[in-house]
C-alpha atoms as a PDB file:
ATOM      1  CA  MET A   1      28.522 -15.900 -14.149  1.00  0.00           C
ATOM      2  CA  TRP A   2      24.972 -14.795 -13.316  1.00  0.00           C
ATOM      3  CA  ASN A   3      24.140 -18.248 -12.039  1.00  0.00           C
ATOM      4  CA  TYR A   4      26.898 -17.941  -9.451  1.00  0.00           C
ATOM      5  CA  ARG A   5      26.226 -14.258  -8.752  1.00  0.00           C
ATOM      6  CA  ILE A   6      22.646 -15.172  -7.826  1.00  0.00           C
ATOM      7  CA  LYS A   7      23.876 -17.973  -5.573  1.00  0.00           C
ATOM      8  CA  GLU A   8      26.512 -15.577  -4.202  1.00  0.00           C
ATOM      9  CA  GLU A   9      29.221 -18.122  -4.885  1.00  0.00           C
ATOM     10  CA  PRO A  10      32.461 -17.742  -6.821  1.00  0.00           C
ATOM     11  CA  LEU A  11      32.579 -19.297 -10.272  1.00  0.00           C
ATOM     12  CA  PRO A  12      34.185 -22.729  -9.801  1.00  0.00           C
ATOM     13  CA  VAL A  13      37.676 -22.909 -11.282  1.00  0.00           C
ATOM     14  CA  GLU A  14      36.758 -26.076 -13.208  1.00  0.00           C
ATOM     15  CA  LEU A  15      33.913 -24.245 -14.976  1.00  0.00           C
ATOM     16  CA  GLU A  16      36.188 -21.399 -16.006  1.00  0.00           C
ATOM     17  CA  LYS A  17      38.665 -23.985 -17.330  1.00  0.00           C
ATOM     18  CA  GLU A  18      35.884 -25.779 -19.243  1.00  0.00           C
ATOM     19  CA  TYR A  19      34.056 -22.731 -20.619  1.00  0.00           C
ATOM     20  CA  GLY A  20      36.849 -20.171 -20.580  1.00  0.00           C
ATOM     21  CA  PRO A  21      37.126 -16.813 -18.866  1.00  0.00           C
ATOM     22  CA  GLU A  22      34.410 -14.169 -19.053  1.00  0.00           C
ATOM     23  CA  LEU A  23      36.899 -11.905 -20.878  1.00  0.00           C
ATOM     24  CA  ASP A  24      40.206 -12.628 -22.582  1.00  0.00           C
ATOM     25  CA  ALA A  25      43.547 -10.996 -21.759  1.00  0.00           C
ATOM     26  CA  THR A  26      42.615  -7.938 -23.862  1.00  0.00           C
ATOM     27  CA  GLY A  27      39.285  -7.441 -22.058  1.00  0.00           C
ATOM     28  CA  LYS A  28      37.183  -8.776 -24.914  1.00  0.00           C
ATOM     29  CA  LEU A  29      34.878 -11.776 -25.136  1.00  0.00           C
ATOM     30  CA  PRO A  30      36.979 -14.826 -25.952  1.00  0.00           C
ATOM     31  CA  ALA A  31      36.573 -16.496 -29.325  1.00  0.00           C
ATOM     32  CA  VAL A  32      35.191 -20.002 -29.656  1.00  0.00           C
ATOM     33  CA  GLU A  33      38.037 -22.491 -29.666  1.00  0.00           C
ATOM     34  CA  SER A  34      39.255 -23.632 -33.053  1.00  0.00           C
ATOM     35  CA  GLY A  35      37.894 -27.074 -33.856  1.00  0.00           C
ATOM     36  CA  SER A  36      34.639 -26.575 -31.940  1.00  0.00           C
ATOM     37  CA  THR A  37      31.548 -27.410 -33.925  1.00  0.00           C
ATOM     38  CA  ILE A  38      28.236 -25.590 -33.705  1.00  0.00           C
ATOM     39  CA  VAL A  39      26.846 -28.685 -32.002  1.00  0.00           C
ATOM     40  CA  ASP A  40      29.606 -28.480 -29.349  1.00  0.00           C
ATOM     41  CA  VAL A  41      28.862 -24.806 -28.696  1.00  0.00           C
ATOM     42  CA  LEU A  42      25.075 -25.297 -28.540  1.00  0.00           C
ATOM     43  CA  ASP A  43      25.399 -28.337 -26.272  1.00  0.00           C
ATOM     44  CA  ALA A  44      27.593 -26.360 -23.871  1.00  0.00           C
ATOM     45  CA  TYR A  45      25.092 -23.470 -23.952  1.00  0.00           C
ATOM     46  CA  ASP A  46      22.238 -25.864 -23.154  1.00  0.00           C
ATOM     47  CA  VAL A  47      24.090 -27.198 -20.093  1.00  0.00           C
ATOM     48  CA  VAL A  48      24.827 -23.697 -18.793  1.00  0.00           C
ATOM     49  CA  PHE A  49      21.303 -22.400 -19.482  1.00  0.00           C
ATOM     50  CA  GLN A  50      19.687 -25.437 -17.829  1.00  0.00           C
ATOM     51  CA  SER A  51      21.777 -24.804 -14.715  1.00  0.00           C
ATOM     52  CA  PHE A  52      20.680 -21.142 -14.733  1.00  0.00           C
ATOM     53  CA  LYS A  53      17.025 -22.143 -15.086  1.00  0.00           C
ATOM     54  CA  GLU A  54      17.335 -24.536 -12.147  1.00  0.00           C
ATOM     55  CA  THR A  55      18.835 -21.777 -10.001  1.00  0.00           C
ATOM     56  CA  CYS A  56      16.063 -19.333 -10.975  1.00  0.00           C
ATOM     57  CA  GLN A  57      13.351 -21.888 -10.217  1.00  0.00           C
ATOM     58  CA  THR A  58      14.523 -22.047  -6.609  1.00  0.00           C
ATOM     59  CA  LEU A  59      14.030 -18.290  -6.118  1.00  0.00           C
ATOM     60  CA  LYS A  60      11.074 -16.802  -4.290  1.00  0.00           C
ATOM     61  CA  ASP A  61       9.483 -13.604  -5.615  1.00  0.00           C
ATOM     62  CA  GLU A  62      10.815 -11.525  -2.724  1.00  0.00           C
ATOM     63  CA  GLU A  63      14.390 -12.605  -3.561  1.00  0.00           C
ATOM     64  CA  LEU A  64      14.194 -10.793  -6.911  1.00  0.00           C
ATOM     65  CA  ASP A  65      14.797  -7.496  -5.086  1.00  0.00           C
ATOM     66  CA  LYS A  66      17.892  -8.806  -3.300  1.00  0.00           C
ATOM     67  CA  ILE A  67      20.994  -6.785  -4.127  1.00  0.00           C
ATOM     68  CA  ILE A  68      24.048  -8.726  -5.242  1.00  0.00           C
ATOM     69  CA  PRO A  69      27.526  -7.740  -6.474  1.00  0.00           C
ATOM     70  CA  TYR A  70      27.781  -7.123 -10.226  1.00  0.00           C
ATOM     71  CA  ASN A  71      31.322  -6.406 -11.428  1.00  0.00           C
ATOM     72  CA  ASP A  72      32.286  -3.157  -9.664  1.00  0.00           C
ATOM     73  CA  HIS A  73      28.642  -2.314  -8.913  1.00  0.00           C
ATOM     74  CA  THR A  74      25.519  -3.943  -7.528  1.00  0.00           C
ATOM     75  CA  ALA A  75      22.262  -5.109  -9.085  1.00  0.00           C
ATOM     76  CA  THR A  76      19.120  -6.863  -7.997  1.00  0.00           C
ATOM     77  CA  ILE A  77      18.628 -10.504  -8.886  1.00  0.00           C
ATOM     78  CA  GLY A  78      15.506  -9.510 -10.844  1.00  0.00           C
ATOM     79  CA  TRP A  79      17.524  -7.018 -12.893  1.00  0.00           C
ATOM     80  CA  GLY A  80      20.170  -9.677 -13.551  1.00  0.00           C
ATOM     81  CA  ILE A  81      17.568 -12.098 -14.910  1.00  0.00           C
ATOM     82  CA  TRP A  82      16.042  -9.313 -17.039  1.00  0.00           C
ATOM     83  CA  HIS A  83      19.539  -8.326 -18.231  1.00  0.00           C
ATOM     84  CA  MET A  84      20.259 -11.878 -19.409  1.00  0.00           C
ATOM     85  CA  ALA A  85      16.929 -12.109 -21.240  1.00  0.00           C
ATOM     86  CA  ASP A  86      17.413  -8.692 -22.839  1.00  0.00           C
ATOM     87  CA  HIS A  87      20.980  -9.521 -23.830  1.00  0.00           C
ATOM     88  CA  SER A  88      19.805 -12.760 -25.456  1.00  0.00           C
ATOM     89  CA  ARG A  89      17.109 -10.829 -27.327  1.00  0.00           C
ATOM     90  CA  TYR A  90      19.749  -8.385 -28.520  1.00  0.00           C
ATOM     91  CA  HIS A  91      21.881 -11.204 -29.917  1.00  0.00           C
ATOM     92  CA  GLN A  92      18.833 -12.872 -31.487  1.00  0.00           C
ATOM     93  CA  ALA A  93      18.283  -9.626 -33.399  1.00  0.00           C
ATOM     94  CA  HIS A  94      21.883  -9.878 -34.649  1.00  0.00           C
ATOM     95  CA  VAL A  95      21.236 -13.420 -35.878  1.00  0.00           C
ATOM     96  CA  VAL A  96      18.060 -12.342 -37.699  1.00  0.00           C
ATOM     97  CA  LEU A  97      19.909  -9.453 -39.367  1.00  0.00           C
ATOM     98  CA  MET A  98      22.835 -11.666 -40.402  1.00  0.00           C
ATOM     99  CA  ARG A  99      20.427 -14.199 -41.925  1.00  0.00           C
ATOM    100  CA  LYS A 100      18.776 -11.384 -43.894  1.00  0.00           C
ATOM    101  CA  TRP A 101      22.160 -10.189 -45.176  1.00  0.00           C
ATOM    102  CA  PHE A 102      23.137 -13.763 -46.072  1.00  0.00           C
ATOM    103  CA  ARG A 103      19.921 -14.277 -48.098  1.00  0.00           C
ATOM    104  CA  GLN A 104      20.480 -10.966 -49.907  1.00  0.00           C
ATOM    105  CA  ARG A 105      23.911 -12.148 -51.048  1.00  0.00           C
ATOM    106  CA  GLN A 106      22.511 -15.212 -52.775  1.00  0.00           C
END
């Protein structure tokens, strides 16, 4: 979504069909489809992240302060990039904690 927010373009329908909606019918993050392997999920993530990197590499410093729509609000492009990095860091902390718990069980 951020890739297309930055480009100020709607998310292409074919991408939503391929990767699923941002939220499911109950307003929650959708689950990974049954039958998907970790390799499938990581490969899809790599494709999406590479596209995001390519979009960011086209930006000029002064564009980071540009205000763009963000859900029912607005945000700067720079904040959006920071938000994605911070969100990834947050989930990395979850992974580290889960690994610790897993090792403690053994």
